C-alpha atoms as a PDB file:
ATOM      1  CA  MET A   1       9.401 -25.701  15.201  1.00  0.00           C
ATOM      2  CA  ALA A   2       7.783 -23.884  12.295  1.00  0.00           C
ATOM      3  CA  PRO A   3       4.991 -21.652  13.630  1.00  0.00           C
ATOM      4  CA  PHE A   4       1.420 -22.291  12.501  1.00  0.00           C
ATOM      5  CA  ILE A   5       0.406 -19.376  10.255  1.00  0.00           C
ATOM      6  CA  SER A   6      -3.123 -18.136   9.660  1.00  0.00           C
ATOM      7  CA  VAL A   7      -3.407 -16.421   6.271  1.00  0.00           C
ATOM      8  CA  ILE A   8      -6.295 -13.938   6.473  1.00  0.00           C
ATOM      9  CA  ILE A   9      -7.815 -12.522   3.297  1.00  0.00           C
ATOM     10  CA  PRO A  10     -10.693 -10.010   3.209  1.00  0.00           C
ATOM     11  CA  ASN A  11     -12.805 -10.175   0.063  1.00  0.00           C
ATOM     12  CA  ARG A  12     -15.380  -7.790  -1.348  1.00  0.00           C
ATOM     13  CA  ASN A  13     -16.616  -8.501  -4.887  1.00  0.00           C
ATOM     14  CA  GLY A  14     -13.275 -10.060  -5.770  1.00  0.00           C
ATOM     15  CA  GLU A  15     -14.559 -12.705  -8.160  1.00  0.00           C
ATOM     16  CA  ALA A  16     -11.993 -11.721 -10.786  1.00  0.00           C
ATOM     17  CA  THR A  17      -8.965 -12.204  -8.527  1.00  0.00           C
ATOM     18  CA  ILE A  18      -9.807 -14.307  -5.447  1.00  0.00           C
ATOM     19  CA  GLY A  19      -9.373 -17.601  -7.328  1.00  0.00           C
ATOM     20  CA  LEU A  20      -5.860 -16.670  -8.408  1.00  0.00           C
ATOM     21  CA  CYS A  21      -5.148 -15.447  -4.871  1.00  0.00           C
ATOM     22  CA  LEU A  22      -6.177 -18.758  -3.312  1.00  0.00           C
ATOM     23  CA  GLU A  23      -4.367 -20.847  -5.939  1.00  0.00           C
ATOM     24  CA  ALA A  24      -1.172 -19.001  -5.062  1.00  0.00           C
ATOM     25  CA  ALA A  25      -1.745 -19.378  -1.316  1.00  0.00           C
ATOM     26  CA  PHE A  26      -2.275 -23.132  -1.508  1.00  0.00           C
ATOM     27  CA  ALA A  27       0.777 -23.509  -3.767  1.00  0.00           C
ATOM     28  CA  SER A  28       2.953 -22.472  -0.838  1.00  0.00           C
ATOM     29  CA  ASP A  29       5.915 -24.698  -0.061  1.00  0.00           C
ATOM     30  CA  TYR A  30       5.435 -24.031   3.676  1.00  0.00           C
ATOM     31  CA  GLU A  31       3.760 -26.145   6.337  1.00  0.00           C
ATOM     32  CA  PRO A  32       1.711 -25.706   8.504  1.00  0.00           C
ATOM     33  CA  PHE A  33      -0.823 -22.995   7.682  1.00  0.00           C
ATOM     34  CA  GLU A  34      -4.513 -22.296   7.243  1.00  0.00           C
ATOM     35  CA  VAL A  35      -6.311 -19.864   4.958  1.00  0.00           C
ATOM     36  CA  ILE A  36      -9.272 -17.850   6.205  1.00  0.00           C
ATOM     37  CA  VAL A  37     -11.256 -15.819   3.690  1.00  0.00           C
ATOM     38  CA  VAL A  38     -13.729 -13.302   5.105  1.00  0.00           C
ATOM     39  CA  ASP A  39     -16.303 -12.336   2.512  1.00  0.00           C
ATOM     40  CA  ASP A  40     -17.535  -8.805   3.131  1.00  0.00           C
ATOM     41  CA  HIS A  41     -21.085  -9.384   1.829  1.00  0.00           C
ATOM     42  CA  SER A  42     -20.043  -9.652  -1.823  1.00  0.00           C
ATOM     43  CA  GLU A  43     -22.616  -9.107  -4.542  1.00  0.00           C
ATOM     44  CA  ASP A  44     -20.789 -11.053  -7.257  1.00  0.00           C
ATOM     45  CA  GLY A  45     -19.802 -14.700  -7.610  1.00  0.00           C
ATOM     46  CA  SER A  46     -16.935 -14.530  -5.120  1.00  0.00           C
ATOM     47  CA  VAL A  47     -18.364 -17.024  -2.663  1.00  0.00           C
ATOM     48  CA  GLU A  48     -18.793 -19.701  -5.325  1.00  0.00           C
ATOM     49  CA  VAL A  49     -15.129 -19.302  -6.270  1.00  0.00           C
ATOM     50  CA  ILE A  50     -13.952 -19.358  -2.644  1.00  0.00           C
ATOM     51  CA  GLU A  51     -15.919 -22.524  -1.898  1.00  0.00           C
ATOM     52  CA  ARG A  52     -13.813 -24.428  -4.449  1.00  0.00           C
ATOM     53  CA  PHE A  53     -10.795 -24.186  -2.155  1.00  0.00           C
ATOM     54  CA  PRO A  54     -10.051 -25.911   1.177  1.00  0.00           C
ATOM     55  CA  CYS A  55     -10.101 -22.679   3.144  1.00  0.00           C
ATOM     56  CA  ARG A  56     -12.254 -21.493   6.008  1.00  0.00           C
ATOM     57  CA  LEU A  57     -14.941 -19.133   4.715  1.00  0.00           C
ATOM     58  CA  VAL A  58     -16.413 -16.505   7.021  1.00  0.00           C
ATOM     59  CA  ARG A  59     -19.364 -14.546   5.624  1.00  0.00           C
ATOM     60  CA  LEU A  60     -20.342 -11.156   7.024  1.00  0.00           C
ATOM     61  CA  ASP A  61     -24.081 -10.486   7.068  1.00  0.00           C
ATOM     62  CA  ARG A  62     -23.601  -6.930   5.767  1.00  0.00           C
ATOM     63  CA  HIS A  63     -20.919  -4.834   4.110  1.00  0.00           C
ATOM     64  CA  ARG A  64     -18.606  -3.704   6.926  1.00  0.00           C
ATOM     65  CA  GLY A  65     -15.307  -2.915   5.237  1.00  0.00           C
ATOM     66  CA  ALA A  66     -11.863  -4.493   4.957  1.00  0.00           C
ATOM     67  CA  SER A  67     -10.845  -3.752   8.552  1.00  0.00           C
ATOM     68  CA  ALA A  68     -13.878  -5.481  10.007  1.00  0.00           C
ATOM     69  CA  ALA A  69     -13.281  -8.437   7.679  1.00  0.00           C
ATOM     70  CA  ARG A  70      -9.658  -8.731   8.787  1.00  0.00           C
ATOM     71  CA  ASN A  71     -10.655  -8.517  12.437  1.00  0.00           C
ATOM     72  CA  ALA A  72     -13.311 -11.186  11.931  1.00  0.00           C
ATOM     73  CA  GLY A  73     -10.741 -13.467  10.307  1.00  0.00           C
ATOM     74  CA  ALA A  74      -8.266 -12.933  13.132  1.00  0.00           C
ATOM     75  CA  ALA A  75     -10.962 -13.746  15.689  1.00  0.00           C
ATOM     76  CA  ARG A  76     -11.469 -17.158  14.056  1.00  0.00           C
ATOM     77  CA  SER A  77      -7.807 -17.947  13.466  1.00  0.00           C
ATOM     78  CA  ARG A  78      -5.813 -20.762  15.066  1.00  0.00           C
ATOM     79  CA  GLY A  79      -2.334 -19.597  14.192  1.00  0.00           C
ATOM     80  CA  LYS A  80       0.353 -18.268  16.442  1.00  0.00           C
ATOM     81  CA  VAL A  81       1.242 -15.978  13.551  1.00  0.00           C
ATOM     82  CA  LEU A  82      -1.212 -13.978  11.426  1.00  0.00           C
ATOM     83  CA  PHE A  83      -0.405 -13.175   7.815  1.00  0.00           C
ATOM     84  CA  PHE A  84      -2.707 -10.541   6.313  1.00  0.00           C
ATOM     85  CA  THR A  85      -2.945 -10.119   2.559  1.00  0.00           C
ATOM     86  CA  ASP A  86      -5.569  -9.007   0.034  1.00  0.00           C
ATOM     87  CA  ALA A  87      -7.809 -10.754  -2.466  1.00  0.00           C
ATOM     88  CA  ASP A  88      -5.914  -9.179  -5.372  1.00  0.00           C
ATOM     89  CA  CYS A  89      -2.492 -10.300  -4.111  1.00  0.00           C
ATOM     90  CA  LEU A  90      -0.686 -13.519  -4.991  1.00  0.00           C
ATOM     91  CA  LEU A  91       1.670 -15.066  -2.450  1.00  0.00           C
ATOM     92  CA  GLU A  92       4.979 -16.304  -3.786  1.00  0.00           C
ATOM     93  CA  LYS A  93       5.713 -19.964  -3.040  1.00  0.00           C
ATOM     94  CA  ARG A  94       8.247 -18.876  -0.427  1.00  0.00           C
ATOM     95  CA  SER A  95       6.218 -16.043   1.114  1.00  0.00           C
ATOM     96  CA  LEU A  96       5.066 -18.005   4.162  1.00  0.00           C
ATOM     97  CA  ALA A  97       8.522 -19.503   4.723  1.00  0.00           C
ATOM     98  CA  VAL A  98      10.035 -16.012   4.595  1.00  0.00           C
ATOM     99  CA  ALA A  99       7.333 -14.781   6.990  1.00  0.00           C
ATOM    100  CA  ALA A 100       8.016 -17.611   9.449  1.00  0.00           C
ATOM    101  CA  ARG A 101      11.770 -17.049   9.339  1.00  0.00           C
ATOM    102  CA  ALA A 102      11.349 -13.309   9.921  1.00  0.00           C
ATOM    103  CA  PHE A 103       8.941 -13.894  12.789  1.00  0.00           C
ATOM    104  CA  GLN A 104      11.299 -16.342  14.473  1.00  0.00           C
ATOM    105  CA  SER A 105      14.168 -13.917  14.008  1.00  0.00           C
ATOM    106  CA  PHE A 106      12.435 -10.816  15.365  1.00  0.00           C
ATOM    107  CA  GLY A 107       9.939 -12.286  17.843  1.00  0.00           C
ATOM    108  CA  PRO A 108       6.435 -11.124  18.826  1.00  0.00           C
ATOM    109  CA  GLY A 109       7.591  -7.614  19.740  1.00  0.00           C
ATOM    110  CA  VAL A 110       8.107  -6.753  16.064  1.00  0.00           C
ATOM    111  CA  VAL A 111       5.468  -6.366  13.360  1.00  0.00           C
ATOM    112  CA  ILE A 112       6.809  -7.360   9.943  1.00  0.00           C
ATOM    113  CA  GLY A 113       5.647  -5.831   6.715  1.00  0.00           C
ATOM    114  CA  GLY A 114       6.178  -7.111   3.219  1.00  0.00           C
ATOM    115  CA  THR A 115       5.805  -5.407  -0.125  1.00  0.00           C
ATOM    116  CA  TYR A 116       4.899  -5.949  -3.770  1.00  0.00           C
ATOM    117  CA  THR A 117       7.156  -7.694  -6.241  1.00  0.00           C
ATOM    118  CA  ARG A 118       8.777  -5.270  -8.665  1.00  0.00           C
ATOM    119  CA  GLN A 119       6.973  -7.000 -11.516  1.00  0.00           C
ATOM    120  CA  PRO A 120       3.202  -7.242 -10.972  1.00  0.00           C
ATOM    121  CA  TYR A 121       0.839  -9.860 -12.287  1.00  0.00           C
ATOM    122  CA  ASP A 122      -0.196  -7.479 -15.085  1.00  0.00           C
ATOM    123  CA  ARG A 123       2.384  -6.453 -17.668  1.00  0.00           C
ATOM    124  CA  ASP A 124       0.988  -3.046 -18.655  1.00  0.00           C
ATOM    125  CA  PHE A 125       3.028   0.114 -18.094  1.00  0.00           C
ATOM    126  CA  PHE A 126       0.917   1.662 -15.342  1.00  0.00           C
ATOM    127  CA  SER A 127       0.742  -1.531 -13.264  1.00  0.00           C
ATOM    128  CA  ARG A 128       4.512  -1.981 -13.548  1.00  0.00           C
ATOM    129  CA  PHE A 129       5.037   1.658 -12.565  1.00  0.00           C
ATOM    130  CA  GLN A 130       2.883   1.254  -9.475  1.00  0.00           C
ATOM    131  CA  SER A 131       4.433  -2.016  -8.346  1.00  0.00           C
ATOM    132  CA  ILE A 132       7.992  -0.685  -8.603  1.00  0.00           C
ATOM    133  CA  PHE A 133       6.970   2.566  -6.911  1.00  0.00           C
ATOM    134  CA  VAL A 134       5.410   0.717  -3.958  1.00  0.00           C
ATOM    135  CA  ASN A 135       8.282  -1.772  -3.671  1.00  0.00           C
ATOM    136  CA  TYR A 136      10.900   0.964  -3.585  1.00  0.00           C
ATOM    137  CA  SER A 137       8.955   3.219  -1.219  1.00  0.00           C
ATOM    138  CA  GLU A 138       8.083   0.514   1.316  1.00  0.00           C
ATOM    139  CA  CYS A 139      11.579  -1.002   1.409  1.00  0.00           C
ATOM    140  CA  LYS A 140      13.534   2.245   1.604  1.00  0.00           C
ATOM    141  CA  ASN A 141      13.455   2.461   5.414  1.00  0.00           C
ATOM    142  CA  ALA A 142      13.093  -1.258   6.017  1.00  0.00           C
ATOM    143  CA  GLN A 143      14.588  -1.478   9.514  1.00  0.00           C
ATOM    144  CA  ASP A 144      12.644   1.472  10.892  1.00  0.00           C
ATOM    145  CA  ALA A 145       9.443   1.446   8.861  1.00  0.00           C
ATOM    146  CA  ASP A 146       6.592   3.825   9.583  1.00  0.00           C
ATOM    147  CA  TYR A 147       3.947   1.184   8.863  1.00  0.00           C
ATOM    148  CA  ALA A 148       3.396  -2.402   7.781  1.00  0.00           C
ATOM    149  CA  ALA A 149       0.988  -2.597   4.858  1.00  0.00           C
ATOM    150  CA  ALA A 150      -1.988  -4.946   5.114  1.00  0.00           C
ATOM    151  CA  HIS A 151      -1.208  -6.479   1.719  1.00  0.00           C
ATOM    152  CA  ALA A 152       1.602  -8.381   3.472  1.00  0.00           C
ATOM    153  CA  MET A 153       1.586  -7.982   7.248  1.00  0.00           C
ATOM    154  CA  VAL A 154       2.986 -10.572   9.649  1.00  0.00           C
ATOM    155  CA  ILE A 155       2.094 -10.201  13.295  1.00  0.00           C
ATOM    156  CA  ALA A 156       1.891 -12.421  16.355  1.00  0.00           C
ATOM    157  CA  ALA A 157      -1.711 -13.279  17.190  1.00  0.00           C
ATOM    158  CA  GLU A 158      -1.205 -12.109  20.776  1.00  0.00           C
ATOM    159  CA  THR A 159       0.216  -8.793  19.562  1.00  0.00           C
ATOM    160  CA  PHE A 160      -2.702  -8.291  17.189  1.00  0.00           C
ATOM    161  CA  ARG A 161      -5.263  -8.877  19.918  1.00  0.00           C
ATOM    162  CA  SER A 162      -3.510  -6.758  22.525  1.00  0.00           C
ATOM    163  CA  GLY A 163      -3.188  -3.981  19.936  1.00  0.00           C
ATOM    164  CA  GLY A 164      -6.929  -3.885  19.342  1.00  0.00           C
ATOM    165  CA  GLY A 165      -6.946  -4.884  15.686  1.00  0.00           C
ATOM    166  CA  PHE A 166      -7.599  -2.744  12.627  1.00  0.00           C
ATOM    167  CA  PRO A 167      -9.768   0.361  13.129  1.00  0.00           C
ATOM    168  CA  GLU A 168     -13.270  -0.116  11.750  1.00  0.00           C
ATOM    169  CA  ASN A 169     -15.348   2.674  10.162  1.00  0.00           C
ATOM    170  CA  PHE A 170     -12.077   4.418   9.395  1.00  0.00           C
ATOM    171  CA  LEU A 171     -10.547   6.175   6.402  1.00  0.00           C
ATOM    172  CA  PRO A 172     -10.024   3.779   3.466  1.00  0.00           C
ATOM    173  CA  VAL A 173      -6.394   2.898   2.638  1.00  0.00           C
ATOM    174  CA  ALA A 174      -5.148   4.230   5.999  1.00  0.00           C
ATOM    175  CA  GLU A 175      -6.349   1.485   8.351  1.00  0.00           C
ATOM    176  CA  ASP A 176      -3.034  -0.371   8.362  1.00  0.00           C
ATOM    177  CA  VAL A 177      -1.147   2.905   8.847  1.00  0.00           C
ATOM    178  CA  GLU A 178      -3.254   3.835  11.875  1.00  0.00           C
ATOM    179  CA  PHE A 179      -2.887   0.339  13.341  1.00  0.00           C
ATOM    180  CA  SER A 180       0.878   0.427  12.813  1.00  0.00           C
ATOM    181  CA  HIS A 181       1.149   3.830  14.464  1.00  0.00           C
ATOM    182  CA  ARG A 182      -0.928   2.614  17.402  1.00  0.00           C
ATOM    183  CA  LEU A 183       1.378  -0.378  17.821  1.00  0.00           C
ATOM    184  CA  ARG A 184       4.469   1.844  17.643  1.00  0.00           C
ATOM    185  CA  ARG A 185       3.081   4.044  20.408  1.00  0.00           C
ATOM    186  CA  ALA A 186       2.548   0.883  22.478  1.00  0.00           C
ATOM    187  CA  GLY A 187       6.247   0.040  22.138  1.00  0.00           C
ATOM    188  CA  TYR A 188       6.254  -2.368  19.185  1.00  0.00           C
ATOM    189  CA  ARG A 189       8.738  -2.056  16.356  1.00  0.00           C
ATOM    190  CA  ILE A 190       7.766  -2.045  12.680  1.00  0.00           C
ATOM    191  CA  VAL A 191      10.146  -3.464  10.081  1.00  0.00           C
ATOM    192  CA  VAL A 192       9.820  -4.353   6.414  1.00  0.00           C
ATOM    193  CA  ASP A 193      11.405  -7.536   5.069  1.00  0.00           C
ATOM    194  CA  PRO A 194      12.172  -6.827   1.368  1.00  0.00           C
ATOM    195  CA  GLY A 195      12.166 -10.577   0.723  1.00  0.00           C
ATOM    196  CA  LEU A 196       8.557 -10.917   1.885  1.00  0.00           C
ATOM    197  CA  GLN A 197       6.708 -10.198  -1.332  1.00  0.00           C
ATOM    198  CA  VAL A 198       3.308 -10.668  -2.924  1.00  0.00           C
ATOM    199  CA  ARG A 199       2.458 -10.158  -6.586  1.00  0.00           C
ATOM    200  CA  HIS A 200      -0.322  -7.625  -6.962  1.00  0.00           C
ATOM    201  CA  ILE A 201      -3.048  -7.642  -9.607  1.00  0.00           C
ATOM    202  CA  PHE A 202      -3.575  -3.997 -10.597  1.00  0.00           C
ATOM    203  CA  GLY A 203      -5.248  -3.915 -13.997  1.00  0.00           C
ATOM    204  CA  PHE A 204      -4.312  -0.244 -14.255  1.00  0.00           C
ATOM    205  CA  SER A 205      -4.944   2.130 -17.125  1.00  0.00           C
ATOM    206  CA  LEU A 206      -3.895   5.788 -17.172  1.00  0.00           C
ATOM    207  CA  TYR A 207      -7.247   6.747 -15.680  1.00  0.00           C
ATOM    208  CA  ARG A 208      -7.132   4.091 -12.964  1.00  0.00           C
ATOM    209  CA  SER A 209      -3.552   4.954 -12.092  1.00  0.00           C
ATOM    210  CA  LEU A 210      -4.357   8.640 -11.629  1.00  0.00           C
ATOM    211  CA  ARG A 211      -7.631   7.930  -9.841  1.00  0.00           C
ATOM    212  CA  ASN A 212      -5.831   5.611  -7.419  1.00  0.00           C
ATOM    213  CA  ALA A 213      -3.165   8.257  -6.767  1.00  0.00           C
ATOM    214  CA  ALA A 214      -5.742  10.983  -6.095  1.00  0.00           C
ATOM    215  CA  TYR A 215      -7.934   8.783  -3.899  1.00  0.00           C
ATOM    216  CA  LYS A 216      -5.087   7.540  -1.734  1.00  0.00           C
ATOM    217  CA  SER A 217      -3.552  10.997  -1.493  1.00  0.00           C
ATOM    218  CA  MET A 218      -6.879  12.448  -0.343  1.00  0.00           C
ATOM    219  CA  ASN A 219      -7.408   9.925   2.441  1.00  0.00           C
ATOM    220  CA  TRP A 220      -3.767   9.885   3.494  1.00  0.00           C
ATOM    221  CA  THR A 221      -3.814  13.697   3.743  1.00  0.00           C
ATOM    222  CA  ILE A 222      -6.905  13.652   5.952  1.00  0.00           C
ATOM    223  CA  TYR A 223      -5.259  11.093   8.232  1.00  0.00           C
ATOM    224  CA  SER A 224      -1.880  12.835   8.270  1.00  0.00           C
ATOM    225  CA  ILE A 225      -3.337  16.197   9.215  1.00  0.00           C
ATOM    226  CA  GLY A 226      -5.169  14.597  12.122  1.00  0.00           C
ATOM    227  CA  ASN A 227      -2.044  12.656  13.089  1.00  0.00           C
ATOM    228  CA  ARG A 228       0.141  15.770  12.716  1.00  0.00           C
ATOM    229  CA  ASP A 229       2.699  14.044  10.516  1.00  0.00           C
ATOM    230  CA  VAL A 230       1.973  15.589   7.116  1.00  0.00           C
ATOM    231  CA  PHE A 231       5.668  15.915   6.294  1.00  0.00           C
ATOM    232  CA  ALA A 232       6.731  12.494   7.610  1.00  0.00           C
ATOM    233  CA  ASP A 233       8.658  10.116   5.356  1.00  0.00           C
ATOM    234  CA  SER A 234       6.038   7.371   5.418  1.00  0.00           C
ATOM    235  CA  GLY A 235       6.304   4.598   2.853  1.00  0.00           C
ATOM    236  CA  THR A 236       4.527   5.552  -0.351  1.00  0.00           C
ATOM    237  CA  ALA A 237       3.718   8.927   1.221  1.00  0.00           C
ATOM    238  CA  SER A 238       7.429   9.650   1.024  1.00  0.00           C
ATOM    239  CA  THR A 239       9.299  12.915   1.309  1.00  0.00           C
ATOM    240  CA  GLU A 240      10.440  12.335  -2.284  1.00  0.00           C
ATOM    241  CA  LEU A 241       6.872  12.216  -3.568  1.00  0.00           C
ATOM    242  CA  LYS A 242       5.745  15.184  -1.482  1.00  0.00           C
ATOM    243  CA  SER A 243       8.730  17.230  -2.650  1.00  0.00           C
ATOM    244  CA  THR A 244       8.132  16.232  -6.269  1.00  0.00           C
ATOM    245  CA  VAL A 245       4.510  17.378  -6.046  1.00  0.00           C
ATOM    246  CA  LEU A 246       5.631  20.724  -4.597  1.00  0.00           C
ATOM    247  CA  PHE A 247       8.336  21.200  -7.246  1.00  0.00           C
ATOM    248  CA  HIS A 248       5.856  20.246  -9.961  1.00  0.00           C
ATOM    249  CA  PHE A 249       3.409  22.955  -8.958  1.00  0.00           C
ATOM    250  CA  VAL A 250       6.214  25.506  -8.694  1.00  0.00           C
ATOM    251  CA  GLY A 251       7.275  24.618 -12.232  1.00  0.00           C
ATOM    252  CA  VAL A 252       3.713  24.843 -13.550  1.00  0.00           C
ATOM    253  CA  SER A 253       3.292  28.228 -11.861  1.00  0.00           C
ATOM    254  CA  LEU A 254       6.449  29.510 -13.547  1.00  0.00           C
ATOM    255  CA  LEU A 255       5.198  28.319 -16.947  1.00  0.00           C
ATOM    256  CA  ILE A 256       1.890  30.077 -16.355  1.00  0.00           C
ATOM    257  CA  LEU A 257       3.744  33.292 -15.509  1.00  0.00           C
ATOM    258  CA  PHE A 258       5.759  32.899 -18.706  1.00  0.00           C
ATOM    259  CA  SER A 259       2.572  32.484 -20.761  1.00  0.00           C
ATOM    260  CA  ILE A 260       1.093  35.611 -19.178  1.00  0.00           C
ATOM    261  CA  TYR A 261       4.088  37.954 -19.238  1.00  0.00           C
ATOM    262  CA  GLY A 262       6.270  36.441 -21.950  1.00  0.00           C
ATOM    263  CA  ASP A 263       9.373  36.900 -19.819  1.00  0.00           C
ATOM    264  CA  LYS A 264      11.822  34.097 -20.693  1.00  0.00           C
ATOM    265  CA  ALA A 265      13.267  34.282 -17.186  1.00  0.00           C
ATOM    266  CA  PHE A 266      10.209  32.372 -15.973  1.00  0.00           C
ATOM    267  CA  LEU A 267      10.791  29.750 -18.659  1.00  0.00           C
ATOM    268  CA  TYR A 268      14.428  29.297 -17.685  1.00  0.00           C
ATOM    269  CA  LEU A 269      13.568  29.145 -13.994  1.00  0.00           C
ATOM    270  CA  SER A 270      11.010  26.376 -14.658  1.00  0.00           C
ATOM    271  CA  VAL A 271      13.925  24.011 -15.313  1.00  0.00           C
ATOM    272  CA  LEU A 272      15.060  24.288 -11.676  1.00  0.00           C
ATOM    273  CA  PRO A 273      12.036  22.468 -10.132  1.00  0.00           C
ATOM    274  CA  VAL A 274      12.537  19.613 -12.607  1.00  0.00           C
ATOM    275  CA  ALA A 275      16.205  19.344 -11.635  1.00  0.00           C
ATOM    276  CA  ALA A 276      15.245  19.411  -7.950  1.00  0.00           C
ATOM    277  CA  SER A 277      12.684  16.626  -8.481  1.00  0.00           C
ATOM    278  CA  LEU A 278      15.267  14.529 -10.295  1.00  0.00           C
ATOM    279  CA  SER A 279      17.673  15.010  -7.420  1.00  0.00           C
ATOM    280  CA  VAL A 280      15.320  14.099  -4.560  1.00  0.00           C
ATOM    281  CA  SER A 281      13.766  11.176  -6.482  1.00  0.00           C
ATOM    282  CA  ARG A 282      16.946   9.723  -7.960  1.00  0.00           C
ATOM    283  CA  GLY A 283      16.594   6.531  -5.902  1.00  0.00           C
ATOM    284  CA  LEU A 284      13.109   5.780  -7.227  1.00  0.00           C
ATOM    285  CA  ILE A 285      14.028   6.734 -10.776  1.00  0.00           C
ATOM    286  CA  GLY A 286      17.007   4.407 -10.544  1.00  0.00           C
ATOM    287  CA  ALA A 287      14.627   1.645  -9.430  1.00  0.00           C
ATOM    288  CA  PHE A 288      12.509   2.217 -12.563  1.00  0.00           C
ATOM    289  CA  PHE A 289      15.573   1.743 -14.779  1.00  0.00           C
ATOM    290  CA  ARG A 290      16.864  -1.294 -12.895  1.00  0.00           C
ATOM    291  CA  ALA A 291      13.515  -3.096 -12.922  1.00  0.00           C
ATOM    292  CA  GLY A 292      12.268  -2.154 -16.373  1.00  0.00           C
ATOM    293  CA  GLY A 293      15.229  -1.211 -18.529  1.00  0.00           C
ATOM    294  CA  THR A 294      16.060   2.020 -20.328  1.00  0.00           C
ATOM    295  CA  THR A 295      12.865   2.568 -22.330  1.00  0.00           C
ATOM    296  CA  PHE A 296      10.594   1.823 -19.391  1.00  0.00           C
ATOM    297  CA  GLY A 297      12.800   3.848 -17.051  1.00  0.00           C
ATOM    298  CA  ILE A 298      12.584   6.956 -19.215  1.00  0.00           C
ATOM    299  CA  ALA A 299       8.808   6.627 -19.602  1.00  0.00           C
ATOM    300  CA  ALA A 300       8.263   5.921 -15.880  1.00  0.00           C
ATOM    301  CA  ALA A 301      10.470   8.847 -14.839  1.00  0.00           C
ATOM    302  CA  ALA A 302       8.572  11.182 -17.169  1.00  0.00           C
ATOM    303  CA  TYR A 303       5.209   9.954 -15.854  1.00  0.00           C
ATOM    304  CA  TYR A 304       6.361  10.320 -12.239  1.00  0.00           C
ATOM    305  CA  LEU A 305       7.811  13.808 -12.725  1.00  0.00           C
ATOM    306  CA  PHE A 306       5.232  15.415 -15.005  1.00  0.00           C
ATOM    307  CA  VAL A 307       1.865  13.603 -14.737  1.00  0.00           C
ATOM    308  CA  TYR A 308       1.592  11.657 -11.474  1.00  0.00           C
ATOM    309  CA  PRO A 309       2.079  14.762  -9.268  1.00  0.00           C
ATOM    310  CA  LEU A 310      -1.082  16.320 -10.735  1.00  0.00           C
ATOM    311  CA  ALA A 311      -3.236  13.527  -9.328  1.00  0.00           C
ATOM    312  CA  VAL A 312      -1.373  13.340  -6.016  1.00  0.00           C
ATOM    313  CA  GLY A 313      -1.544  17.112  -5.574  1.00  0.00           C
ATOM    314  CA  ALA A 314      -5.232  17.270  -6.484  1.00  0.00           C
ATOM    315  CA  GLY A 315      -5.970  14.492  -4.016  1.00  0.00           C
ATOM    316  CA  GLY A 316      -3.949  16.246  -1.324  1.00  0.00           C
ATOM    317  CA  LEU A 317      -5.784  19.541  -1.807  1.00  0.00           C
ATOM    318  CA  THR A 318      -9.118  17.701  -1.715  1.00  0.00           C
ATOM    319  CA  GLY A 319      -8.003  16.020   1.500  1.00  0.00           C
ATOM    320  CA  VAL A 320      -7.195  19.386   3.076  1.00  0.00           C
ATOM    321  CA  ALA A 321     -10.614  20.700   2.068  1.00  0.00           C
ATOM    322  CA  ARG A 322     -12.412  17.638   3.394  1.00  0.00           C
ATOM    323  CA  HIS A 323     -10.471  17.811   6.654  1.00  0.00           C
ATOM    324  CA  LEU A 324     -11.589  21.421   7.123  1.00  0.00           C
ATOM    325  CA  VAL A 325     -15.189  20.462   6.427  1.00  0.00           C
ATOM    326  CA  LEU A 326     -15.009  17.567   8.894  1.00  0.00           C
ATOM    327  CA  GLU A 327     -13.452  19.819  11.530  1.00  0.00           C
ATOM    328  CA  ARG A 328     -16.161  22.415  11.044  1.00  0.00           C
ATOM    329  CA  GLY A 329     -18.817  19.722  11.385  1.00  0.00           C
ATOM    330  CA  ARG A 330     -17.382  18.669  14.747  1.00  0.00           C
ATOM    331  CA  ARG A 331     -17.680  22.163  16.204  1.00  0.00           C
END
């Protein structure tokens, strides 16, 4: 029999996207399921939008964060299977059917992650770049994934409860990573089903793309230092990206030395980090070309190699600094 699925969606000031999210959820070709939206004390018109749909609305009496909202939704769920997604994500018509099939195939001892579609809801360059980047990074090690992202996480209700749920009052963007790592330590397996996809609404500009990269890099660095896995190949925090950031700063340093001393040897040597970045990131760069064509592929590769690492590196250095400050405060 098809398992009953509880779709759990946290919402905080998501008036612009929650309607589209719920329209997509209720357009599913799967039965049976319920939708639970947990409003995290929104200050916009989200609740009025949510109330137009036949979902269960849970309202938190104060702003408590996405993890607390997800946990509150799980506590009120009826499903044997929980499907977590976000208020700016659109389920595909087959998403729940794919989730049910994967759950029945793997069983409750496996937590199943999904990913973004290669083409996002928005058609701008930076949103397309991000969606392809996430899709490639999360699917690369599908059968032995480091984490299942909360934008498309399928987990047995009993597993979720025995695992303790998402950590509350925790680093933003790393809650699902910490929960996944906790489940792995308890003996559960994490896999990613590349066919389990949601279409994300980014609305990115250059500024928002770089700000997102720096913010996530900062918080991920703080978590990784504490978890002692800074160099792990972990989804979007991949070894390719970390290597590219390192090579980028080596190349910039060589160009600075050239500008200071005028020695062309530094200029010639600066080509080597670019070649190294191309080599380690050839899989992702190939994904840009396959998903977006030649013109997009060239532009995305250039952005990834020469601009994106600045934001990721700056966020990483800020994360190191903040970790040191936090450690000093604990002493």
